[in-house]
């Protein structure tokens, strides 16, 4: 009888965890889409590059429920954003690819080191992965598709980047990557990481993480 009771409790706990993960993923997706709609332009950046904080809820979902949950949030937010796009879905696909790499890298490291040091290290590596990934995605995927699908010539993209950035001369596709996309994503990665770190650590209990356990790991990792 005790074994049956134990199995029932275990199933109930598993069911509760699954329901909590689904609910949390849904809430983070909704929040992520709202933040994606609140995009803003940055100084020295061309008009087609917009900044937003929509990766933060995906990071929270990944921290609390695992990397897959973070990727799901990235996918669903871009799916929900498609009716509002003017890039023929190219921007959404690129955003999903870069955001997923950022979230996957960060959360996979954090889940192995669930403490403050682990959070800082994971976000640092996530930012590096974001910058590297977006450089390749934009060079080999986004810019060529803008040319072929939308008929947006490379010369126009170069000119827009050159006009926006008054500090350097941009006259090639490689310059666009190095002088526009790399600085943009470094800034994006650092600011999102800073906000995510400052917000998530105090809210660990809300997301179902046990601070006591994480803090214990932190102490042992420092010794």
Protein backbone atom coordinates (compact mmCIF):
# COMPACT_ATOMS: atom_id res chain seq x y z
CA UNK A 1 0.00 0.00 0.00
CA UNK A 2 2.82 2.38 0.86
CA UNK A 3 4.46 1.67 -2.51
CA UNK A 4 1.22 2.50 -4.32
CA UNK A 5 0.87 5.71 -2.32
CA UNK A 6 4.46 6.63 -3.08
CA UNK A 7 3.91 6.05 -6.81
CA UNK A 8 0.77 8.19 -6.75
CA UNK A 9 2.60 11.00 -4.99
CA UNK A 10 5.43 10.77 -7.48
CA UNK A 11 3.00 10.96 -10.41
CA UNK A 12 1.19 13.91 -8.85
CA UNK A 13 4.47 15.74 -8.31
CA UNK A 14 5.52 15.08 -11.90
CA UNK A 15 2.15 16.30 -13.14
CA UNK A 16 2.38 19.46 -11.05
CA UNK A 17 5.88 20.18 -12.36
CA UNK A 18 4.73 19.68 -15.94
CA UNK A 19 1.74 21.98 -15.46
CA UNK A 20 3.97 24.60 -13.83
CA UNK A 21 6.45 24.42 -16.70
CA UNK A 22 3.72 24.76 -19.33
CA UNK A 23 2.15 27.70 -17.47
CA UNK A 24 5.50 29.42 -16.95
CA UNK A 25 6.46 28.93 -20.60
CA UNK A 26 3.14 30.44 -21.67
CA UNK A 27 3.52 33.47 -19.40
CA UNK A 28 7.13 34.04 -20.52
CA UNK A 29 6.06 33.77 -24.17
CA UNK A 30 3.37 36.42 -23.72
CA UNK A 31 5.78 38.72 -21.89
CA UNK A 32 8.44 38.15 -24.53
CA UNK A 33 6.05 39.09 -27.34
CA UNK A 34 5.00 42.29 -25.53
CA UNK A 35 8.66 43.26 -25.09
CA UNK A 36 9.36 42.48 -28.73
CA UNK A 37 6.67 44.94 -29.76
CA UNK A 38 8.37 47.65 -27.67
CA UNK A 39 11.45 47.74 -29.88
CA UNK A 40 13.50 50.92 -30.09
CA UNK A 41 16.15 52.38 -32.39
CA UNK A 42 19.71 52.88 -31.14
CA UNK A 43 22.15 55.70 -31.94
CA UNK A 44 24.64 54.99 -34.74
CA UNK A 45 22.51 52.05 -35.91
CA UNK A 46 20.49 51.85 -39.16
CA UNK A 47 16.71 51.93 -39.02
CA UNK A 48 16.29 48.23 -39.79
CA UNK A 49 18.09 47.26 -36.56
CA UNK A 50 15.80 47.52 -33.54
CA UNK A 51 16.61 46.77 -29.91
CA UNK A 52 14.28 45.03 -27.45
CA UNK A 53 14.40 43.00 -24.23
CA UNK A 54 12.36 40.03 -25.50
CA UNK A 55 15.16 37.52 -24.86
CA UNK A 56 14.94 38.04 -21.09
CA UNK A 57 11.73 36.02 -20.56
CA UNK A 58 13.21 33.25 -22.73
CA UNK A 59 16.28 33.22 -20.46
CA UNK A 60 14.05 33.03 -17.39
CA UNK A 61 12.13 30.10 -18.88
CA UNK A 62 15.42 28.38 -19.69
CA UNK A 63 16.82 28.98 -16.21
CA UNK A 64 13.68 27.67 -14.51
CA UNK A 65 12.57 24.86 -16.84
CA UNK A 66 15.58 23.95 -18.94
CA UNK A 67 17.07 25.02 -22.29
CA UNK A 68 14.21 23.53 -24.33
CA UNK A 69 11.71 25.83 -22.62
CA UNK A 70 13.82 28.86 -23.52
CA UNK A 71 13.97 27.81 -27.17
CA UNK A 72 10.20 27.23 -27.18
CA UNK A 73 9.67 30.79 -25.92
CA UNK A 74 11.97 32.10 -28.66
CA UNK A 75 10.02 30.14 -31.28
CA UNK A 76 6.56 31.12 -30.06
CA UNK A 77 7.37 34.82 -29.65
CA UNK A 78 8.59 35.01 -33.24
CA UNK A 79 5.59 33.02 -34.45
CA UNK A 80 3.27 35.48 -32.69
CA UNK A 81 5.24 38.41 -34.09
CA UNK A 82 4.91 37.34 -37.73
CA UNK A 83 1.61 39.20 -38.37
CA UNK A 84 3.37 42.45 -37.40
CA UNK A 85 6.47 41.97 -39.56
CA UNK A 86 7.52 43.86 -42.66
CA UNK A 87 10.52 41.61 -43.41
CA UNK A 88 8.61 38.71 -45.00
CA UNK A 89 9.50 36.62 -41.92
CA UNK A 90 13.25 36.87 -42.56
CA UNK A 91 13.78 38.97 -39.44
CA UNK A 92 11.77 36.56 -37.31
CA UNK A 93 13.74 33.52 -38.49
CA UNK A 94 17.03 35.33 -37.87
CA UNK A 95 15.81 36.46 -34.45
CA UNK A 96 14.83 32.89 -33.57
CA UNK A 97 18.20 31.47 -34.61
CA UNK A 98 20.29 34.06 -32.78
CA UNK A 99 18.05 34.16 -29.71
CA UNK A 100 17.99 30.37 -29.43
CA UNK A 101 21.78 30.14 -29.56
CA UNK A 102 22.02 32.84 -26.87
CA UNK A 103 19.48 31.13 -24.62
CA UNK A 104 20.81 27.60 -25.19
CA UNK A 105 24.41 28.56 -24.43
CA UNK A 106 23.48 30.55 -21.34
CA UNK A 107 21.03 28.10 -19.78
CA UNK A 108 23.10 24.98 -20.45
CA UNK A 109 26.03 26.49 -18.56
CA UNK A 110 23.84 27.89 -15.77
CA UNK A 111 22.16 24.53 -15.12
CA UNK A 112 25.60 23.06 -14.40
CA UNK A 113 26.55 25.96 -12.09
CA UNK A 114 23.38 27.19 -10.39
CA UNK A 115 24.89 30.05 -8.42
CA UNK A 116 25.82 33.70 -8.94
CA UNK A 117 29.18 32.88 -10.43
CA UNK A 118 27.52 30.42 -12.76
CA UNK A 119 24.96 33.03 -13.80
CA UNK A 120 27.67 35.58 -14.61
CA UNK A 121 29.78 33.02 -16.48
CA UNK A 122 26.81 31.64 -18.42
CA UNK A 123 25.63 35.09 -19.47
CA UNK A 124 29.16 36.05 -20.56
CA UNK A 125 29.49 32.94 -22.72
CA UNK A 126 25.94 33.48 -23.99
CA UNK A 127 26.85 37.00 -25.11
CA UNK A 128 29.93 35.74 -26.96
CA UNK A 129 27.82 33.03 -28.63
CA UNK A 130 25.22 35.65 -29.59
CA UNK A 131 27.79 37.92 -31.22
CA UNK A 132 29.47 35.07 -33.14
CA UNK A 133 26.19 33.46 -34.19
CA UNK A 134 24.58 36.68 -35.40
CA UNK A 135 27.67 37.54 -37.42
CA UNK A 136 27.40 34.29 -39.39
CA UNK A 137 23.59 34.37 -39.56
CA UNK A 138 23.55 37.90 -40.93
CA UNK A 139 26.44 37.40 -43.35
CA UNK A 140 25.28 34.10 -44.85
CA UNK A 141 21.52 34.18 -44.25
CA UNK A 142 19.82 37.48 -43.45
CA UNK A 143 21.56 39.88 -45.86
CA UNK A 144 21.44 37.48 -48.86
CA UNK A 145 17.72 36.83 -48.23
CA UNK A 146 16.99 40.55 -48.01
CA UNK A 147 18.62 40.87 -51.43
CA UNK A 148 16.91 37.88 -53.07
CA UNK A 149 13.48 37.83 -51.40
CA UNK A 150 12.84 41.50 -50.74
CA UNK A 151 14.92 42.95 -53.55
CA UNK A 152 16.87 45.04 -51.05
CA UNK A 153 20.30 45.54 -52.65
CA UNK A 154 23.49 45.13 -50.66
CA UNK A 155 24.59 48.61 -51.71
CA UNK A 156 21.51 50.08 -50.00
CA UNK A 157 22.22 48.16 -46.79
CA UNK A 158 25.83 49.36 -46.82
CA UNK A 159 24.73 52.94 -47.41
CA UNK A 160 22.18 52.85 -44.59
CA UNK A 161 24.79 51.54 -42.15
CA UNK A 162 27.38 54.07 -43.34
CA UNK A 163 24.98 57.02 -43.01
CA UNK A 164 23.82 55.93 -39.53
CA UNK A 165 27.32 55.42 -38.13
CA UNK A 166 29.21 58.69 -38.33
CA UNK A 167 32.23 57.32 -36.46
CA UNK A 168 33.54 54.89 -39.07
CA UNK A 169 33.46 54.35 -42.82
CA UNK A 170 31.37 51.37 -43.96
CA UNK A 171 31.80 50.36 -47.58
CA UNK A 172 31.56 46.55 -47.72
CA UNK A 173 29.46 43.64 -46.52
CA UNK A 174 32.16 42.66 -44.03
CA UNK A 175 32.19 46.22 -42.68
CA UNK A 176 28.43 45.97 -42.13
CA UNK A 177 28.98 42.87 -40.00
CA UNK A 178 31.99 44.17 -38.05
CA UNK A 179 30.97 47.81 -37.65
CA UNK A 180 27.20 47.45 -37.28
CA UNK A 181 25.99 43.99 -36.26
CA UNK A 182 28.88 43.12 -33.92
CA UNK A 183 28.64 46.34 -31.82
CA UNK A 184 24.84 46.08 -31.82
CA UNK A 185 24.86 42.51 -30.50
CA UNK A 186 27.64 43.17 -27.98
CA UNK A 187 25.50 45.98 -26.55
CA UNK A 188 22.38 43.81 -26.70
CA UNK A 189 24.05 40.82 -25.05
CA UNK A 190 25.61 42.85 -22.24
CA UNK A 191 22.49 44.86 -21.39
CA UNK A 192 20.14 41.88 -21.54
CA UNK A 193 22.57 39.85 -19.43
CA UNK A 194 22.80 42.61 -16.84
CA UNK A 195 19.02 43.00 -16.55
CA UNK A 196 18.49 39.22 -16.52
CA UNK A 197 21.07 38.75 -13.76
CA UNK A 198 19.73 41.57 -11.59
CA UNK A 199 16.14 40.35 -11.97
CA UNK A 200 16.45 36.56 -11.93
CA UNK A 201 18.64 36.04 -8.88
CA UNK A 202 16.17 37.76 -6.48
CA UNK A 203 13.26 35.97 -8.19
CA UNK A 204 14.65 32.42 -8.11
CA UNK A 205 12.10 31.30 -5.54
CA UNK A 206 9.24 32.58 -7.72
CA UNK A 207 10.53 30.51 -10.65
CA UNK A 208 10.66 27.39 -8.53
CA UNK A 209 14.40 27.31 -7.94
CA UNK A 210 15.53 26.62 -4.38
CA UNK A 211 17.85 29.46 -3.34
CA UNK A 212 19.18 27.45 -0.42
CA UNK A 213 20.48 24.74 -2.72
CA UNK A 214 21.92 27.24 -5.19
CA UNK A 215 23.59 29.19 -2.42
CA UNK A 216 25.03 26.00 -1.01
CA UNK A 217 26.50 25.20 -4.42
CA UNK A 218 27.88 28.70 -4.59
CA UNK A 219 29.69 28.32 -1.26
CA UNK A 220 31.16 24.97 -2.21
CA UNK A 221 32.26 26.24 -5.62
CA UNK A 222 34.17 29.08 -4.02
CA UNK A 223 36.07 26.85 -1.64
